[in-house]
Amino acid sequence: MTDVLFYHLQDMTLEAVLPPLVEKSLERGWRVVIQARSEERVGALDTHLWTFRDDSFLPHGTWRDEGAGEHPVVLAIEAGNPNGAQIRFLVDNAAMPEDSASYERLVLIFDGNDDEALSGARAAWADSKARGFEVTYWQADERGRWQKRQ
């Protein structure tokens, strides 16, 4: 069964939150797809994942790369699973993929200060529940640690 995790950004940026979540996914041996809505955002994330920390980077490529299927992490704006990922991150209001049930986990990261993002997350929550997926909601506490909320 597909697990769908909703990460509610408040006083945090995607750039701060995404790399540690992707690192944890790779530690589990999962391949990752990160889906954004624009080529500009993919370009910014592409640069960020190489430079987010002085002592580390996340090996990745984009859906346009020849051999994209060989990358442990693929950045995309399109549906599809070029690297056989088990987990898909949806950022910037990217739509739930039609093949959602083929993933072990979907992670929808949404900006709590964006009305469109909130509306999209609510719709994705309802859709996920209707499809029988296991859904959880995560919010950061005052120290920035993610807590599962009821």
Protein backbone atom coordinates (compact mmCIF):
# COMPACT_ATOMS: atom_id res chain seq x y z
CA MET A 1 0.00 0.00 0.00
CA THR A 2 1.20 3.50 -0.78
CA ASP A 3 1.89 5.81 2.15
CA VAL A 4 1.25 9.50 1.49
CA LEU A 5 3.00 11.94 3.81
CA PHE A 6 1.97 15.59 3.92
CA TYR A 7 4.71 17.96 5.13
CA HIS A 8 3.34 21.36 6.08
CA LEU A 9 5.99 24.08 5.72
CA GLN A 10 5.67 26.89 8.24
CA ASP A 11 8.59 29.22 8.84
CA MET A 12 10.75 26.80 6.84
CA THR A 13 11.82 26.69 3.22
CA LEU A 14 11.68 23.80 0.81
CA GLU A 15 15.44 24.21 0.34
CA ALA A 16 16.01 23.56 4.05
CA VAL A 17 13.57 20.64 4.33
CA LEU A 18 14.02 18.66 1.11
CA PRO A 19 17.69 17.56 1.27
CA PRO A 20 17.48 15.81 4.67
CA LEU A 21 14.30 14.00 3.61
CA VAL A 22 15.95 12.84 0.40
CA GLU A 23 19.06 11.75 2.31
CA LYS A 24 16.91 9.59 4.60
CA SER A 25 15.24 8.04 1.57
CA LEU A 26 18.60 7.16 0.03
CA GLU A 27 19.78 5.69 3.36
CA ARG A 28 16.81 3.30 3.12
CA GLY A 29 18.03 2.20 -0.30
CA TRP A 30 15.19 3.91 -2.14
CA ARG A 31 15.44 5.64 -5.48
CA VAL A 32 13.80 9.07 -5.58
CA VAL A 33 11.91 11.28 -8.01
CA ILE A 34 11.36 14.93 -7.08
CA GLN A 35 8.62 16.53 -9.14
CA ALA A 36 8.24 20.31 -9.44
CA ARG A 37 5.99 22.31 -11.74
CA SER A 38 8.53 24.28 -13.75
CA GLU A 39 11.90 23.91 -15.42
CA GLU A 40 13.08 26.99 -13.51
CA ARG A 41 12.34 25.32 -10.18
CA VAL A 42 14.01 22.09 -11.30
CA GLY A 43 17.06 24.16 -12.29
CA ALA A 44 17.19 25.84 -8.88
CA LEU A 45 16.79 22.52 -7.05
CA ASP A 46 19.42 20.95 -9.30
CA THR A 47 21.96 23.56 -8.19
CA HIS A 48 20.84 23.44 -4.57
CA LEU A 49 21.21 19.66 -4.19
CA TRP A 50 24.87 19.93 -5.24
CA THR A 51 25.63 22.78 -2.83
CA PHE A 52 23.19 22.62 0.10
CA ARG A 53 25.95 21.72 2.57
CA ASP A 54 29.70 22.31 2.45
CA ASP A 55 30.53 18.71 3.35
CA SER A 56 27.90 16.87 1.32
CA PHE A 57 25.81 16.75 -1.83
CA LEU A 58 23.02 14.60 -3.17
CA PRO A 59 23.88 12.68 -6.36
CA HIS A 60 21.14 13.34 -8.86
CA GLY A 61 20.18 14.23 -12.40
CA THR A 62 17.18 15.53 -14.29
CA TRP A 63 14.63 13.77 -16.44
CA ARG A 64 16.35 15.30 -19.50
CA ASP A 65 19.70 13.60 -18.81
CA GLU A 66 20.73 10.74 -20.99
CA GLY A 67 20.79 7.79 -18.64
CA ALA A 68 18.39 9.41 -16.15
CA GLY A 69 17.42 5.91 -15.07
CA GLU A 70 20.87 5.42 -13.56
CA HIS A 71 20.55 8.34 -11.12
CA PRO A 72 19.48 7.59 -7.54
CA VAL A 73 17.56 10.90 -7.55
CA VAL A 74 15.83 12.40 -10.59
CA LEU A 75 14.34 15.89 -10.76
CA ALA A 76 11.35 16.10 -13.07
CA ILE A 77 8.41 18.23 -14.15
CA GLU A 78 6.63 15.38 -15.87
CA ALA A 79 4.85 12.24 -14.82
CA GLY A 80 6.75 9.02 -15.19
CA ASN A 81 9.31 7.17 -13.14
CA PRO A 82 12.57 7.25 -15.12
CA ASN A 83 14.73 5.65 -12.40
CA GLY A 84 12.27 3.14 -10.93
CA ALA A 85 11.87 5.22 -7.76
CA GLN A 86 10.08 3.89 -4.70
CA ILE A 87 9.43 7.39 -3.35
CA ARG A 88 8.23 10.53 -5.10
CA PHE A 89 8.42 14.02 -3.64
CA LEU A 90 5.84 16.50 -4.92
CA VAL A 91 6.83 20.15 -4.48
CA ASP A 92 5.42 23.50 -5.57
CA ASN A 93 1.89 22.14 -5.94
CA ALA A 94 2.91 19.35 -8.34
CA ALA A 95 -0.05 17.06 -9.00
CA MET A 96 -0.35 13.55 -7.64
CA PRO A 97 0.79 11.20 -10.40
CA GLU A 98 -1.68 8.84 -12.05
CA ASP A 99 0.57 5.93 -11.09
CA SER A 100 0.56 6.91 -7.38
CA ALA A 101 -0.18 3.34 -6.31
CA SER A 102 3.10 2.15 -7.85
CA TYR A 103 5.16 4.01 -5.20
CA GLU A 104 5.87 2.87 -1.67
CA ARG A 105 5.66 6.48 -0.54
CA LEU A 106 4.58 9.85 -1.86
CA VAL A 107 5.68 12.97 0.01
CA LEU A 108 3.73 16.13 -0.65
CA ILE A 109 5.54 19.20 0.70
CA PHE A 110 3.35 22.28 0.78
CA ASP A 111 3.71 25.89 1.90
CA GLY A 112 1.32 26.70 4.73
CA ASN A 113 1.33 30.38 3.75
CA ASP A 114 0.10 29.72 0.20
CA ASP A 115 -3.68 29.40 -0.23
CA GLU A 116 -3.32 27.52 -3.52
CA ALA A 117 -0.90 25.06 -1.90
CA LEU A 118 -3.23 24.51 1.06
CA SER A 119 -6.17 23.90 -1.25
CA GLY A 120 -4.12 21.50 -3.36
CA ALA A 121 -2.94 19.60 -0.28
CA ARG A 122 -6.50 19.25 0.99
CA ALA A 123 -7.63 17.89 -2.37
CA ALA A 124 -4.67 15.47 -2.50
CA TRP A 125 -5.49 14.33 1.06
CA ALA A 126 -9.11 13.59 0.12
CA ASP A 127 -8.04 11.83 -3.08
CA SER A 128 -5.44 9.75 -1.23
CA LYS A 129 -7.95 8.69 1.42
CA ALA A 130 -10.52 7.80 -1.27
CA ARG A 131 -7.93 5.60 -2.99
CA GLY A 132 -7.24 3.74 0.24
CA PHE A 133 -3.74 5.10 0.78
CA GLU A 134 -2.34 5.48 4.29
CA VAL A 135 -2.05 9.24 4.90
CA THR A 136 -0.15 11.12 7.59
CA TYR A 137 0.28 14.79 8.33
CA TRP A 138 3.62 16.20 9.54
CA GLN A 139 4.32 19.59 11.04
CA ALA A 140 7.53 20.97 12.52
CA ASP A 141 7.62 21.80 16.22
CA GLU A 142 9.20 24.98 17.63
CA ARG A 143 12.67 23.39 17.30
CA GLY A 144 12.12 22.46 13.66
CA ARG A 145 11.72 18.73 14.31
CA TRP A 146 8.99 16.99 12.33
CA GLN A 147 6.10 15.69 14.40
CA LYS A 148 3.30 13.45 13.21
CA ARG A 149 -0.02 15.17 13.93
CA GLN A 150 -3.48 13.70 14.28
